[in-house]
Amino acid sequence: MADRVITVMVVDDHPIWRDGVARDLSERGFEVRATAGDAPSAVRIARAVRPDVVLMDLNLGAGSGVDATREITAELAGTKVLVLSASGEHSDVLEAVKAGASGYLVKSASAEELVDAVGRTAAGDAVFTSGLAGLVLGEYRRMAAAPQETTAPRLSDRETEVLRLVAKGLTARQIADRLYLSHRTVENHVQSTLRKLQLHNRVELARYAIEHGLDADPRQ
């Protein structure tokens, strides 16, 4: 980034603050390509101007800065988001980082701290107001240490019923007779369940049902 001017976009719903930050950055050698006062405009304009850094407020008049951050970082790989917010609440910081923000400054930061943070963000650093970096690091360590829960695919009641009978060893014809369904309907349920569970055959279906306790009839 040292060999060219860093481009910036400023997003804030307070015009005086927004214009003041844009002016300060321009005077320090940054190219402020655009400003925006709400989340939808921020996303739309960012797509058009593709700045190196978006300086993002969280509490916007229309929409959420977190939502805008999520959309911008998902769509524009070359654009980083640095949050500049009046809030230092831990929940706000973590939510912004999880949405893709590269850093988080509170608005009490000095002009020098802001200029330094924008430059470092453009260079790929994670920049946080003093005390907040430890919070984020601690949260990610906690998440890494926590047992990972896997969310089971959602099966319909009928798919679960068919799966239970597959685990008992019944053929599609026998299941159709038991549930008063057509053979084709049973096959459709089996194929749908295979897709949802990302399995390949009835043997794997039966193993899945047994491992998850679905081979027992709940009515017994």
C-alpha atoms as a PDB file:
ATOM      1  CA  MET A   1       0.000   0.000   0.000  1.00  0.00           C
ATOM      2  CA  ALA A   2       2.992   2.313   0.433  1.00  0.00           C
ATOM      3  CA  ASP A   3       3.387   2.820  -3.311  1.00  0.00           C
ATOM      4  CA  ARG A   4      -0.081   4.216  -3.895  1.00  0.00           C
ATOM      5  CA  VAL A   5      -2.785   6.281  -2.238  1.00  0.00           C
ATOM      6  CA  ILE A   6      -5.139   4.338   0.044  1.00  0.00           C
ATOM      7  CA  THR A   7      -8.775   4.745  -0.964  1.00  0.00           C
ATOM      8  CA  VAL A   8     -11.422   5.107   1.731  1.00  0.00           C
ATOM      9  CA  MET A   9     -15.196   5.332   2.075  1.00  0.00           C
ATOM     10  CA  VAL A  10     -16.796   6.864   5.178  1.00  0.00           C
ATOM     11  CA  VAL A  11     -20.168   5.600   6.401  1.00  0.00           C
ATOM     12  CA  ASP A  12     -21.962   7.492   9.166  1.00  0.00           C
ATOM     13  CA  ASP A  13     -25.517   8.814   9.543  1.00  0.00           C
ATOM     14  CA  HIS A  14     -24.388  12.125  11.075  1.00  0.00           C
ATOM     15  CA  PRO A  15     -23.429  14.461   8.195  1.00  0.00           C
ATOM     16  CA  ILE A  16     -21.207  16.754  10.253  1.00  0.00           C
ATOM     17  CA  TRP A  17     -19.228  13.870  11.737  1.00  0.00           C
ATOM     18  CA  ARG A  18     -19.084  12.052   8.388  1.00  0.00           C
ATOM     19  CA  ASP A  19     -17.838  15.120   6.513  1.00  0.00           C
ATOM     20  CA  GLY A  20     -15.350  15.943   9.248  1.00  0.00           C
ATOM     21  CA  VAL A  21     -13.797  12.460   9.195  1.00  0.00           C
ATOM     22  CA  ALA A  22     -13.664  12.508   5.390  1.00  0.00           C
ATOM     23  CA  ARG A  23     -11.945  15.904   5.463  1.00  0.00           C
ATOM     24  CA  ASP A  24      -9.405  14.774   8.073  1.00  0.00           C
ATOM     25  CA  LEU A  25      -8.520  11.697   6.039  1.00  0.00           C
ATOM     26  CA  SER A  26      -8.214  13.684   2.808  1.00  0.00           C
ATOM     27  CA  GLU A  27      -5.887  16.145   4.507  1.00  0.00           C
ATOM     28  CA  ARG A  28      -3.721  13.231   5.677  1.00  0.00           C
ATOM     29  CA  GLY A  29      -3.230  11.901   2.134  1.00  0.00           C
ATOM     30  CA  PHE A  30      -6.026   9.366   1.789  1.00  0.00           C
ATOM     31  CA  GLU A  31      -8.359   9.395  -1.211  1.00  0.00           C
ATOM     32  CA  VAL A  32     -11.925   9.511   0.097  1.00  0.00           C
ATOM     33  CA  ARG A  33     -13.832   8.059  -2.811  1.00  0.00           C
ATOM     34  CA  ALA A  34     -17.323   8.310  -1.316  1.00  0.00           C
ATOM     35  CA  THR A  35     -19.429   8.746   1.781  1.00  0.00           C
ATOM     36  CA  ALA A  36     -22.773   7.208   2.776  1.00  0.00           C
ATOM     37  CA  GLY A  37     -25.339   7.813   5.485  1.00  0.00           C
ATOM     38  CA  ASP A  38     -27.133   4.461   5.675  1.00  0.00           C
ATOM     39  CA  ALA A  39     -26.502   0.745   5.201  1.00  0.00           C
ATOM     40  CA  PRO A  40     -28.189   0.209   1.800  1.00  0.00           C
ATOM     41  CA  SER A  41     -26.326   3.171   0.299  1.00  0.00           C
ATOM     42  CA  ALA A  42     -23.083   1.979   1.842  1.00  0.00           C
ATOM     43  CA  VAL A  43     -23.348  -1.426   0.181  1.00  0.00           C
ATOM     44  CA  ARG A  44     -24.444  -0.006  -3.170  1.00  0.00           C
ATOM     45  CA  ILE A  45     -21.731   2.672  -3.290  1.00  0.00           C
ATOM     46  CA  ALA A  46     -19.008   0.331  -2.047  1.00  0.00           C
ATOM     47  CA  ARG A  47     -19.759  -1.998  -4.945  1.00  0.00           C
ATOM     48  CA  ALA A  48     -19.286   0.911  -7.336  1.00  0.00           C
ATOM     49  CA  VAL A  49     -16.161   2.577  -5.911  1.00  0.00           C
ATOM     50  CA  ARG A  50     -14.455  -0.492  -4.333  1.00  0.00           C
ATOM     51  CA  PRO A  51     -12.371   1.338  -1.714  1.00  0.00           C
ATOM     52  CA  ASP A  52      -9.448  -0.231   0.124  1.00  0.00           C
ATOM     53  CA  VAL A  53     -11.096   0.553   3.472  1.00  0.00           C
ATOM     54  CA  VAL A  54     -14.675   1.291   4.504  1.00  0.00           C
ATOM     55  CA  LEU A  55     -14.858   3.246   7.760  1.00  0.00           C
ATOM     56  CA  MET A  56     -18.172   1.971   9.121  1.00  0.00           C
ATOM     57  CA  ASP A  57     -20.440   3.246  11.878  1.00  0.00           C
ATOM     58  CA  LEU A  58     -22.725   0.604  13.391  1.00  0.00           C
ATOM     59  CA  ASN A  59     -25.785   2.635  14.339  1.00  0.00           C
ATOM     60  CA  LEU A  60     -27.072   3.947  11.046  1.00  0.00           C
ATOM     61  CA  GLY A  61     -30.397   5.623  10.383  1.00  0.00           C
ATOM     62  CA  ALA A  62     -31.500   3.024   7.840  1.00  0.00           C
ATOM     63  CA  GLY A  63     -30.229  -0.504   8.185  1.00  0.00           C
ATOM     64  CA  SER A  64     -27.429  -1.901  10.307  1.00  0.00           C
ATOM     65  CA  GLY A  65     -23.720  -1.284  10.016  1.00  0.00           C
ATOM     66  CA  VAL A  66     -23.182  -4.932  10.915  1.00  0.00           C
ATOM     67  CA  ASP A  67     -25.362  -6.071   8.006  1.00  0.00           C
ATOM     68  CA  ALA A  68     -23.589  -3.684   5.642  1.00  0.00           C
ATOM     69  CA  THR A  69     -20.230  -4.987   6.863  1.00  0.00           C
ATOM     70  CA  ARG A  70     -21.304  -8.560   6.233  1.00  0.00           C
ATOM     71  CA  GLU A  71     -22.435  -7.794   2.670  1.00  0.00           C
ATOM     72  CA  ILE A  72     -19.406  -5.700   1.753  1.00  0.00           C
ATOM     73  CA  THR A  73     -16.820  -8.180   3.057  1.00  0.00           C
ATOM     74  CA  ALA A  74     -18.643 -11.090   1.427  1.00  0.00           C
ATOM     75  CA  GLU A  75     -18.824  -9.423  -1.998  1.00  0.00           C
ATOM     76  CA  LEU A  76     -15.666  -7.316  -2.172  1.00  0.00           C
ATOM     77  CA  ALA A  77     -12.584  -9.366  -1.392  1.00  0.00           C
ATOM     78  CA  GLY A  78     -10.261  -6.392  -1.771  1.00  0.00           C
ATOM     79  CA  THR A  79     -12.189  -4.127   0.602  1.00  0.00           C
ATOM     80  CA  LYS A  80     -11.653  -4.154   4.365  1.00  0.00           C
ATOM     81  CA  VAL A  81     -14.050  -2.726   6.932  1.00  0.00           C
ATOM     82  CA  LEU A  82     -12.856  -0.777   9.954  1.00  0.00           C
ATOM     83  CA  VAL A  83     -15.657  -0.019  12.395  1.00  0.00           C
ATOM     84  CA  LEU A  84     -15.680   3.446  13.969  1.00  0.00           C
ATOM     85  CA  SER A  85     -18.450   3.483  16.555  1.00  0.00           C
ATOM     86  CA  ALA A  86     -19.500   5.342  19.664  1.00  0.00           C
ATOM     87  CA  SER A  87     -20.214   1.975  21.283  1.00  0.00           C
ATOM     88  CA  GLY A  88     -17.543   0.037  23.088  1.00  0.00           C
ATOM     89  CA  GLU A  89     -19.946  -2.694  24.173  1.00  0.00           C
ATOM     90  CA  HIS A  90     -18.375  -6.118  23.937  1.00  0.00           C
ATOM     91  CA  SER A  91     -21.398  -7.562  22.148  1.00  0.00           C
ATOM     92  CA  ASP A  92     -21.153  -4.886  19.435  1.00  0.00           C
ATOM     93  CA  VAL A  93     -17.452  -5.540  18.939  1.00  0.00           C
ATOM     94  CA  LEU A  94     -17.875  -9.297  18.626  1.00  0.00           C
ATOM     95  CA  GLU A  95     -20.854  -8.953  16.313  1.00  0.00           C
ATOM     96  CA  ALA A  96     -18.915  -6.636  14.005  1.00  0.00           C
ATOM     97  CA  VAL A  97     -15.886  -8.926  13.885  1.00  0.00           C
ATOM     98  CA  LYS A  98     -18.034 -11.968  13.190  1.00  0.00           C
ATOM     99  CA  ALA A  99     -19.606 -10.016  10.312  1.00  0.00           C
ATOM    100  CA  GLY A 100     -16.159  -9.568   8.773  1.00  0.00           C
ATOM    101  CA  ALA A 101     -14.795  -6.308  10.182  1.00  0.00           C
ATOM    102  CA  SER A 102     -10.985  -6.140  10.260  1.00  0.00           C
ATOM    103  CA  GLY A 103     -10.890  -3.817  13.236  1.00  0.00           C
ATOM    104  CA  TYR A 104     -12.869  -1.702  15.675  1.00  0.00           C
ATOM    105  CA  LEU A 105     -12.229   1.814  16.977  1.00  0.00           C
ATOM    106  CA  VAL A 106     -14.366   3.835  19.335  1.00  0.00           C
ATOM    107  CA  LYS A 107     -15.102   7.409  18.327  1.00  0.00           C
ATOM    108  CA  SER A 108     -13.083   8.767  21.224  1.00  0.00           C
ATOM    109  CA  ALA A 109      -9.947   7.800  19.258  1.00  0.00           C
ATOM    110  CA  SER A 110      -7.711  10.705  18.280  1.00  0.00           C
ATOM    111  CA  ALA A 111      -7.229  11.795  14.684  1.00  0.00           C
ATOM    112  CA  GLU A 112      -3.726  10.328  14.773  1.00  0.00           C
ATOM    113  CA  GLU A 113      -5.058   6.976  15.999  1.00  0.00           C
ATOM    114  CA  LEU A 114      -7.693   6.973  13.268  1.00  0.00           C
ATOM    115  CA  VAL A 115      -5.206   7.762  10.503  1.00  0.00           C
ATOM    116  CA  ASP A 116      -2.843   5.063  11.770  1.00  0.00           C
ATOM    117  CA  ALA A 117      -5.699   2.548  12.031  1.00  0.00           C
ATOM    118  CA  VAL A 118      -6.912   3.155   8.466  1.00  0.00           C
ATOM    119  CA  GLY A 119      -3.398   2.710   7.099  1.00  0.00           C
ATOM    120  CA  ARG A 120      -2.796  -0.458   9.069  1.00  0.00           C
ATOM    121  CA  THR A 121      -6.202  -1.867   8.104  1.00  0.00           C
ATOM    122  CA  ALA A 122      -5.413  -1.298   4.433  1.00  0.00           C
ATOM    123  CA  ALA A 123      -2.112  -3.134   4.971  1.00  0.00           C
ATOM    124  CA  GLY A 124      -3.969  -6.149   6.352  1.00  0.00           C
ATOM    125  CA  ASP A 125      -3.572  -5.622  10.103  1.00  0.00           C
ATOM    126  CA  ALA A 126      -6.333  -6.203  12.639  1.00  0.00           C
ATOM    127  CA  VAL A 127      -6.681  -2.915  14.510  1.00  0.00           C
ATOM    128  CA  PHE A 128      -8.619  -2.425  17.744  1.00  0.00           C
ATOM    129  CA  THR A 129      -9.047   0.247  20.358  1.00  0.00           C
ATOM    130  CA  SER A 130      -6.919  -0.603  23.394  1.00  0.00           C
ATOM    131  CA  GLY A 131      -8.514  -3.406  25.407  1.00  0.00           C
ATOM    132  CA  LEU A 132     -10.769  -4.704  22.651  1.00  0.00           C
ATOM    133  CA  ALA A 133      -8.178  -6.886  20.910  1.00  0.00           C
ATOM    134  CA  GLY A 134      -7.906  -9.073  24.003  1.00  0.00           C
ATOM    135  CA  LEU A 135     -11.677  -9.429  24.094  1.00  0.00           C
ATOM    136  CA  VAL A 136     -11.827 -10.658  20.505  1.00  0.00           C
ATOM    137  CA  LEU A 137      -8.875 -13.013  20.925  1.00  0.00           C
ATOM    138  CA  GLY A 138     -10.385 -14.440  24.100  1.00  0.00           C
ATOM    139  CA  GLU A 139     -13.711 -15.058  22.377  1.00  0.00           C
ATOM    140  CA  TYR A 140     -12.093 -16.936  19.498  1.00  0.00           C
ATOM    141  CA  ARG A 141     -10.059 -19.018  21.912  1.00  0.00           C
ATOM    142  CA  ARG A 142     -13.244 -19.872  23.804  1.00  0.00           C
ATOM    143  CA  MET A 143     -14.988 -20.855  20.574  1.00  0.00           C
ATOM    144  CA  ALA A 144     -12.039 -23.006  19.506  1.00  0.00           C
ATOM    145  CA  ALA A 145     -11.962 -24.803  22.853  1.00  0.00           C
ATOM    146  CA  ALA A 146     -15.713 -25.412  22.992  1.00  0.00           C
ATOM    147  CA  PRO A 147     -17.007 -28.748  21.705  1.00  0.00           C
ATOM    148  CA  GLN A 148     -18.364 -28.280  18.199  1.00  0.00           C
ATOM    149  CA  GLU A 149     -22.029 -29.073  17.931  1.00  0.00           C
ATOM    150  CA  THR A 150     -23.234 -30.404  14.625  1.00  0.00           C
ATOM    151  CA  THR A 151     -26.717 -29.444  13.579  1.00  0.00           C
ATOM    152  CA  ALA A 152     -28.622 -32.465  12.294  1.00  0.00           C
ATOM    153  CA  PRO A 153     -30.429 -31.948   8.989  1.00  0.00           C
ATOM    154  CA  ARG A 154     -34.128 -31.358   9.461  1.00  0.00           C
ATOM    155  CA  LEU A 155     -36.241 -34.331   8.360  1.00  0.00           C
ATOM    156  CA  SER A 156     -39.992 -34.251   8.007  1.00  0.00           C
ATOM    157  CA  ASP A 157     -42.113 -36.501  10.247  1.00  0.00           C
ATOM    158  CA  ARG A 158     -42.788 -38.805   7.301  1.00  0.00           C
ATOM    159  CA  GLU A 159     -39.106 -38.989   6.350  1.00  0.00           C
ATOM    160  CA  THR A 160     -38.248 -39.853   9.942  1.00  0.00           C
ATOM    161  CA  GLU A 161     -40.916 -42.550   9.974  1.00  0.00           C
ATOM    162  CA  VAL A 162     -39.613 -44.057   6.736  1.00  0.00           C
ATOM    163  CA  LEU A 163     -36.035 -43.866   8.030  1.00  0.00           C
ATOM    164  CA  ARG A 164     -37.035 -45.727  11.195  1.00  0.00           C
ATOM    165  CA  LEU A 165     -38.537 -48.564   9.144  1.00  0.00           C
ATOM    166  CA  VAL A 166     -35.492 -48.708   6.859  1.00  0.00           C
ATOM    167  CA  ALA A 167     -33.372 -49.206   9.995  1.00  0.00           C
ATOM    168  CA  LYS A 168     -35.636 -52.120  10.962  1.00  0.00           C
ATOM    169  CA  GLY A 169     -34.757 -53.791   7.661  1.00  0.00           C
ATOM    170  CA  LEU A 170     -38.071 -53.346   5.860  1.00  0.00           C
ATOM    171  CA  THR A 171     -38.077 -53.078   2.095  1.00  0.00           C
ATOM    172  CA  ALA A 172     -39.646 -50.128   0.298  1.00  0.00           C
ATOM    173  CA  ARG A 173     -42.652 -52.319  -0.572  1.00  0.00           C
ATOM    174  CA  GLN A 174     -43.110 -53.395   3.053  1.00  0.00           C
ATOM    175  CA  ILE A 175     -42.806 -49.786   4.231  1.00  0.00           C
ATOM    176  CA  ALA A 176     -45.405 -48.731   1.656  1.00  0.00           C
ATOM    177  CA  ASP A 177     -47.818 -51.386   2.949  1.00  0.00           C
ATOM    178  CA  ARG A 178     -47.143 -50.442   6.586  1.00  0.00           C
ATOM    179  CA  LEU A 179     -47.721 -46.704   6.027  1.00  0.00           C
ATOM    180  CA  TYR A 180     -50.433 -47.017   3.376  1.00  0.00           C
ATOM    181  CA  LEU A 181     -48.291 -45.209   0.825  1.00  0.00           C
ATOM    182  CA  SER A 182     -47.372 -45.973  -2.754  1.00  0.00           C
ATOM    183  CA  HIS A 183     -44.048 -47.642  -3.475  1.00  0.00           C
ATOM    184  CA  ARG A 184     -42.957 -44.555  -5.449  1.00  0.00           C
ATOM    185  CA  THR A 185     -43.765 -42.219  -2.539  1.00  0.00           C
ATOM    186  CA  VAL A 186     -41.622 -44.302  -0.193  1.00  0.00           C
ATOM    187  CA  GLU A 187     -38.751 -44.250  -2.681  1.00  0.00           C
ATOM    188  CA  ASN A 188     -39.068 -40.470  -2.960  1.00  0.00           C
ATOM    189  CA  HIS A 189     -38.834 -40.129   0.829  1.00  0.00           C
ATOM    190  CA  VAL A 190     -35.776 -42.404   0.911  1.00  0.00           C
ATOM    191  CA  GLN A 191     -33.999 -40.427  -1.820  1.00  0.00           C
ATOM    192  CA  SER A 192     -34.858 -37.118  -0.149  1.00  0.00           C
ATOM    193  CA  THR A 193     -33.482 -38.368   3.167  1.00  0.00           C
ATOM    194  CA  LEU A 194     -30.300 -39.612   1.505  1.00  0.00           C
ATOM    195  CA  ARG A 195     -29.734 -36.148   0.007  1.00  0.00           C
ATOM    196  CA  LYS A 196     -30.400 -34.306   3.256  1.00  0.00           C
ATOM    197  CA  LEU A 197     -28.072 -36.562   5.250  1.00  0.00           C
ATOM    198  CA  GLN A 198     -25.492 -36.703   2.452  1.00  0.00           C
ATOM    199  CA  LEU A 199     -25.513 -40.510   2.501  1.00  0.00           C
ATOM    200  CA  HIS A 200     -25.254 -42.912  -0.399  1.00  0.00           C
ATOM    201  CA  ASN A 201     -27.366 -46.010   0.267  1.00  0.00           C
ATOM    202  CA  ARG A 202     -29.810 -47.737   2.608  1.00  0.00           C
ATOM    203  CA  VAL A 203     -27.022 -49.358   4.600  1.00  0.00           C
ATOM    204  CA  GLU A 204     -25.673 -45.945   5.543  1.00  0.00           C
ATOM    205  CA  LEU A 205     -29.245 -44.810   6.260  1.00  0.00           C
ATOM    206  CA  ALA A 206     -29.765 -47.717   8.644  1.00  0.00           C
ATOM    207  CA  ARG A 207     -26.441 -47.014  10.383  1.00  0.00           C
ATOM    208  CA  TYR A 208     -27.381 -43.337  10.755  1.00  0.00           C
ATOM    209  CA  ALA A 209     -30.776 -44.241  12.230  1.00  0.00           C
ATOM    210  CA  ILE A 210     -29.241 -46.651  14.743  1.00  0.00           C
ATOM    211  CA  GLU A 211     -26.521 -44.175  15.784  1.00  0.00           C
ATOM    212  CA  HIS A 212     -29.182 -41.523  16.397  1.00  0.00           C
ATOM    213  CA  GLY A 213     -31.606 -43.813  18.203  1.00  0.00           C
ATOM    214  CA  LEU A 214     -34.187 -43.758  15.417  1.00  0.00           C
ATOM    215  CA  ASP A 215     -34.438 -47.528  15.085  1.00  0.00           C
ATOM    216  CA  ALA A 216     -36.720 -47.759  18.129  1.00  0.00           C
ATOM    217  CA  ASP A 217     -40.420 -47.131  17.633  1.00  0.00           C
ATOM    218  CA  PRO A 218     -41.370 -44.211  19.943  1.00  0.00           C
ATOM    219  CA  ARG A 219     -44.873 -45.613  20.292  1.00  0.00           C
ATOM    220  CA  GLN A 220     -43.581 -48.746  21.990  1.00  0.00           C
END
